[in-house]
């Protein structure tokens, strides 16, 4: 038996930073994101930004990250998402998912 790659660097893992644009503040977007990401087993964080967007980092199995990004395009019921802009990010490993203060 050969050992697999070190934890956090498995080839099926993915990390993405996302900026969610639209009516996404004051509509429970961050709380919804924490619940949804945690349910998918993702690590990372979410926060409001002073420009009215929401920013998040999602890390975990590639398929779960992709499902989270698809969910972000809908958001919670009161949100109106116009766009989700993503870029690759460094994998934070298995750290849990948290809500951070506004930047």
C-alpha atoms as a PDB file:
ATOM      1  CA  UNK A   1       0.000   0.000   0.000  1.00  0.00           C
ATOM      2  CA  UNK A   2       1.184   3.469  -0.786  1.00  0.00           C
ATOM      3  CA  UNK A   3       0.342   6.455   1.328  1.00  0.00           C
ATOM      4  CA  UNK A   4      -1.917   9.084  -0.182  1.00  0.00           C
ATOM      5  CA  UNK A   5      -1.082  12.766  -0.415  1.00  0.00           C
ATOM      6  CA  UNK A   6      -0.807  14.735   2.838  1.00  0.00           C
ATOM      7  CA  UNK A   7      -4.054  16.027   4.330  1.00  0.00           C
ATOM      8  CA  UNK A   8      -5.225  19.209   2.637  1.00  0.00           C
ATOM      9  CA  UNK A   9      -3.453  18.497  -0.623  1.00  0.00           C
ATOM     10  CA  UNK A  10      -5.567  15.666  -1.994  1.00  0.00           C
ATOM     11  CA  UNK A  11      -6.106  16.081  -5.733  1.00  0.00           C
ATOM     12  CA  UNK A  12      -9.890  16.136  -5.294  1.00  0.00           C
ATOM     13  CA  UNK A  13      -9.718  19.139  -2.933  1.00  0.00           C
ATOM     14  CA  UNK A  14     -10.371  22.662  -4.109  1.00  0.00           C
ATOM     15  CA  UNK A  15     -10.220  26.118  -2.539  1.00  0.00           C
ATOM     16  CA  UNK A  16     -11.963  29.175  -3.976  1.00  0.00           C
ATOM     17  CA  UNK A  17     -12.456  32.763  -2.848  1.00  0.00           C
ATOM     18  CA  UNK A  18     -15.829  34.126  -3.933  1.00  0.00           C
ATOM     19  CA  UNK A  19     -17.274  37.626  -4.051  1.00  0.00           C
ATOM     20  CA  UNK A  20     -21.081  37.641  -4.091  1.00  0.00           C
ATOM     21  CA  UNK A  21     -22.627  40.746  -5.646  1.00  0.00           C
ATOM     22  CA  UNK A  22     -26.226  41.936  -5.385  1.00  0.00           C
ATOM     23  CA  UNK A  23     -28.675  42.420  -2.516  1.00  0.00           C
ATOM     24  CA  UNK A  24     -26.725  40.144  -0.197  1.00  0.00           C
ATOM     25  CA  UNK A  25     -26.390  42.110   3.036  1.00  0.00           C
ATOM     26  CA  UNK A  26     -29.193  42.306   5.576  1.00  0.00           C
ATOM     27  CA  UNK A  27     -30.854  39.183   4.109  1.00  0.00           C
ATOM     28  CA  UNK A  28     -29.217  36.465   6.282  1.00  0.00           C
ATOM     29  CA  UNK A  29     -26.699  35.606   3.553  1.00  0.00           C
ATOM     30  CA  UNK A  30     -23.783  35.027   5.943  1.00  0.00           C
ATOM     31  CA  UNK A  31     -25.773  32.815   8.325  1.00  0.00           C
ATOM     32  CA  UNK A  32     -27.149  30.846   5.384  1.00  0.00           C
ATOM     33  CA  UNK A  33     -23.607  30.463   4.017  1.00  0.00           C
ATOM     34  CA  UNK A  34     -22.283  29.106   7.326  1.00  0.00           C
ATOM     35  CA  UNK A  35     -25.131  26.578   7.537  1.00  0.00           C
ATOM     36  CA  UNK A  36     -24.860  25.513   3.893  1.00  0.00           C
ATOM     37  CA  UNK A  37     -21.053  25.245   3.842  1.00  0.00           C
ATOM     38  CA  UNK A  38     -21.002  23.349   7.134  1.00  0.00           C
ATOM     39  CA  UNK A  39     -23.623  20.949   5.779  1.00  0.00           C
ATOM     40  CA  UNK A  40     -21.393  20.293   2.774  1.00  0.00           C
ATOM     41  CA  UNK A  41     -18.366  19.642   5.007  1.00  0.00           C
ATOM     42  CA  UNK A  42     -16.443  22.697   3.809  1.00  0.00           C
ATOM     43  CA  UNK A  43     -13.856  24.763   5.633  1.00  0.00           C
ATOM     44  CA  UNK A  44     -13.394  28.510   5.319  1.00  0.00           C
ATOM     45  CA  UNK A  45     -15.169  31.728   6.211  1.00  0.00           C
ATOM     46  CA  UNK A  46     -17.696  34.349   5.111  1.00  0.00           C
ATOM     47  CA  UNK A  47     -17.895  38.088   5.799  1.00  0.00           C
ATOM     48  CA  UNK A  48     -19.634  41.244   4.668  1.00  0.00           C
ATOM     49  CA  UNK A  49     -17.505  43.828   2.908  1.00  0.00           C
ATOM     50  CA  UNK A  50     -17.932  47.568   3.294  1.00  0.00           C
ATOM     51  CA  UNK A  51     -18.734  47.846  -0.447  1.00  0.00           C
ATOM     52  CA  UNK A  52     -22.010  45.911   0.047  1.00  0.00           C
ATOM     53  CA  UNK A  53     -20.764  42.549  -1.251  1.00  0.00           C
ATOM     54  CA  UNK A  54     -20.226  39.308   0.638  1.00  0.00           C
ATOM     55  CA  UNK A  55     -16.857  37.550   0.446  1.00  0.00           C
ATOM     56  CA  UNK A  56     -16.213  33.904   1.263  1.00  0.00           C
ATOM     57  CA  UNK A  57     -13.503  31.287   1.095  1.00  0.00           C
ATOM     58  CA  UNK A  58     -14.612  27.705   0.493  1.00  0.00           C
ATOM     59  CA  UNK A  59     -12.221  24.746   0.801  1.00  0.00           C
ATOM     60  CA  UNK A  60     -12.919  21.033   0.652  1.00  0.00           C
ATOM     61  CA  UNK A  61     -13.814  18.278  -1.773  1.00  0.00           C
ATOM     62  CA  UNK A  62     -14.040  19.746  -5.290  1.00  0.00           C
ATOM     63  CA  UNK A  63     -17.611  18.554  -5.850  1.00  0.00           C
ATOM     64  CA  UNK A  64     -18.780  20.105  -2.545  1.00  0.00           C
ATOM     65  CA  UNK A  65     -17.094  23.438  -3.387  1.00  0.00           C
ATOM     66  CA  UNK A  66     -18.792  23.404  -6.799  1.00  0.00           C
ATOM     67  CA  UNK A  67     -22.178  22.693  -5.167  1.00  0.00           C
ATOM     68  CA  UNK A  68     -21.601  25.558  -2.711  1.00  0.00           C
ATOM     69  CA  UNK A  69     -20.784  27.987  -5.528  1.00  0.00           C
ATOM     70  CA  UNK A  70     -23.952  26.928  -7.361  1.00  0.00           C
ATOM     71  CA  UNK A  71     -25.943  27.504  -4.158  1.00  0.00           C
ATOM     72  CA  UNK A  72     -24.328  30.942  -3.730  1.00  0.00           C
ATOM     73  CA  UNK A  73     -25.762  31.982  -7.092  1.00  0.00           C
ATOM     74  CA  UNK A  74     -29.239  31.510  -5.565  1.00  0.00           C
ATOM     75  CA  UNK A  75     -28.561  32.403  -1.920  1.00  0.00           C
ATOM     76  CA  UNK A  76     -31.206  32.534   0.800  1.00  0.00           C
ATOM     77  CA  UNK A  77     -34.776  33.497  -0.104  1.00  0.00           C
ATOM     78  CA  UNK A  78     -34.494  37.272   0.426  1.00  0.00           C
ATOM     79  CA  UNK A  79     -31.197  37.648  -1.463  1.00  0.00           C
ATOM     80  CA  UNK A  80     -30.937  38.906  -5.036  1.00  0.00           C
ATOM     81  CA  UNK A  81     -27.611  37.650  -6.399  1.00  0.00           C
ATOM     82  CA  UNK A  82     -26.389  39.441  -9.527  1.00  0.00           C
ATOM     83  CA  UNK A  83     -23.000  37.746  -9.825  1.00  0.00           C
ATOM     84  CA  UNK A  84     -20.527  35.431  -8.090  1.00  0.00           C
ATOM     85  CA  UNK A  85     -16.914  36.208  -8.979  1.00  0.00           C
ATOM     86  CA  UNK A  86     -14.399  33.507  -8.049  1.00  0.00           C
ATOM     87  CA  UNK A  87     -10.653  33.035  -7.968  1.00  0.00           C
ATOM     88  CA  UNK A  88      -8.464  30.155  -6.798  1.00  0.00           C
ATOM     89  CA  UNK A  89      -7.376  30.347  -3.160  1.00  0.00           C
ATOM     90  CA  UNK A  90      -5.013  28.528  -0.825  1.00  0.00           C
ATOM     91  CA  UNK A  91      -6.599  25.511   0.869  1.00  0.00           C
ATOM     92  CA  UNK A  92      -7.052  26.269   4.575  1.00  0.00           C
ATOM     93  CA  UNK A  93      -7.324  22.574   5.475  1.00  0.00           C
ATOM     94  CA  UNK A  94      -9.973  21.172   7.797  1.00  0.00           C
ATOM     95  CA  UNK A  95     -10.595  24.192  10.015  1.00  0.00           C
ATOM     96  CA  UNK A  96     -14.394  24.393  10.104  1.00  0.00           C
ATOM     97  CA  UNK A  97     -16.475  27.225   8.668  1.00  0.00           C
ATOM     98  CA  UNK A  98     -16.917  30.581  10.412  1.00  0.00           C
ATOM     99  CA  UNK A  99     -18.498  33.987  10.030  1.00  0.00           C
ATOM    100  CA  UNK A 100     -15.943  36.807  10.227  1.00  0.00           C
ATOM    101  CA  UNK A 101     -16.368  40.508  10.967  1.00  0.00           C
ATOM    102  CA  UNK A 102     -17.012  42.998   8.139  1.00  0.00           C
ATOM    103  CA  UNK A 103     -13.924  44.085   6.219  1.00  0.00           C
END
